Amino acid sequence: GISDVECQGFDALGSLGASPPKPCIVWSCGGGAKNDMWLKMRERKIADICGREAGAKVCRAENTEASFGSAILAAATFN
C-alpha cells in the first residue's frame, strides 16, 4: 500500500546519502493526517524500516492542509 511505497522512498533516500539515513520523525499533513489509524499504520511501517529501537514517530502537523507540506519542501530549497 501507500505506506510501503513511502518506506521504499525513505530507503532510497538513505541509500543516496540522506542525513539522517532513516527518519526520526515524520510530520503528516493532508487528508490522511486527520485519521489516527493512518498515522499509526505509517508509524508502524516506518518503525519496520528504521528498527523499533530507533523510535521513528509520525506526528500530525500543526497545519494539516495538503499544501502545507509542499510549502515546507519549497521553502527548504532556499536554505
Protein backbone atom coordinates (compact mmCIF):
# COMPACT_ATOMS: atom_id res chain seq x y z
CA GLY A 1 0.00 0.00 0.00
CA ILE A 2 0.89 3.66 0.23
CA SER A 3 2.87 3.25 3.45
CA ASP A 4 5.01 0.56 1.73
CA VAL A 5 5.82 3.00 -1.09
CA GLU A 6 6.67 5.66 1.48
CA CYS A 7 9.08 3.28 3.21
CA GLN A 8 10.70 2.41 -0.11
CA GLY A 9 11.19 6.14 -0.66
CA PHE A 10 12.88 6.53 2.73
CA ASP A 11 15.12 3.54 1.91
CA ALA A 12 16.06 5.10 -1.44
CA LEU A 13 16.83 8.48 0.14
CA GLY A 14 19.01 6.79 2.76
CA SER A 15 20.92 4.83 0.13
CA LEU A 16 21.53 8.08 -1.79
CA GLY A 17 23.14 9.69 1.26
CA ALA A 18 20.28 11.44 3.05
CA SER A 19 21.16 12.54 6.56
CA PRO A 20 19.92 11.00 8.72
CA PRO A 21 19.59 7.88 6.53
CA LYS A 22 16.29 6.92 8.19
CA PRO A 23 13.65 9.32 9.50
CA CYS A 24 13.40 10.04 13.22
CA ILE A 25 10.12 11.90 12.92
CA VAL A 26 7.63 12.30 10.08
CA TRP A 27 5.17 15.19 10.06
CA SER A 28 1.87 14.30 8.42
CA CYS A 29 -0.38 16.75 6.62
CA GLY A 30 -3.22 16.44 4.13
CA GLY A 31 -6.37 14.36 4.50
CA GLY A 32 -4.61 11.35 5.99
CA ALA A 33 -3.28 13.44 8.87
CA LYS A 34 -6.81 13.64 10.24
CA ASN A 35 -7.03 9.83 10.52
CA ASP A 36 -5.46 8.40 13.68
CA MET A 37 -5.42 4.86 12.24
CA TRP A 38 -3.47 6.07 9.18
CA LEU A 39 -0.91 7.80 11.42
CA LYS A 40 -0.45 4.62 13.48
CA MET A 41 -0.11 2.48 10.35
CA ARG A 42 2.56 4.82 8.93
CA GLU A 43 4.39 4.85 12.26
CA ARG A 44 4.38 1.04 12.37
CA LYS A 45 5.69 0.75 8.79
CA ILE A 46 8.39 3.38 9.35
CA ALA A 47 9.44 1.62 12.56
CA ASP A 48 9.83 -1.56 10.49
CA ILE A 49 12.43 0.06 8.23
CA CYS A 50 14.13 2.08 10.95
CA GLY A 51 14.14 -0.59 13.62
CA ARG A 52 11.84 -0.49 16.60
CA GLU A 53 14.59 0.92 18.82
CA ALA A 54 15.04 3.93 16.51
CA GLY A 55 11.84 5.50 17.84
CA ALA A 56 10.60 6.78 14.47
CA LYS A 57 7.44 8.76 15.16
CA VAL A 58 4.66 10.00 12.90
CA CYS A 59 3.01 13.20 14.12
CA ARG A 60 0.17 15.33 12.87
CA ALA A 61 1.48 18.66 11.60
CA GLU A 62 0.08 21.79 13.23
CA ASN A 63 -1.31 22.78 9.83
CA THR A 64 -2.80 19.73 8.11
CA GLU A 65 -3.66 21.34 4.77
CA ALA A 66 -2.10 19.34 1.93
CA SER A 67 -0.42 22.47 0.54
CA PHE A 68 1.45 22.94 3.83
CA GLY A 69 3.80 20.04 3.10
CA SER A 70 4.52 21.39 -0.37
CA ALA A 71 5.22 24.83 1.08
CA ILE A 72 7.69 23.37 3.60
CA LEU A 73 9.54 21.49 0.84
CA ALA A 74 9.64 24.60 -1.37
CA ALA A 75 10.93 26.76 1.48
CA ALA A 76 13.66 24.24 2.27
CA THR A 77 15.19 24.78 -1.19
CA PHE A 78 16.05 28.38 -0.22
CA ASN A 79 18.30 27.47 2.74
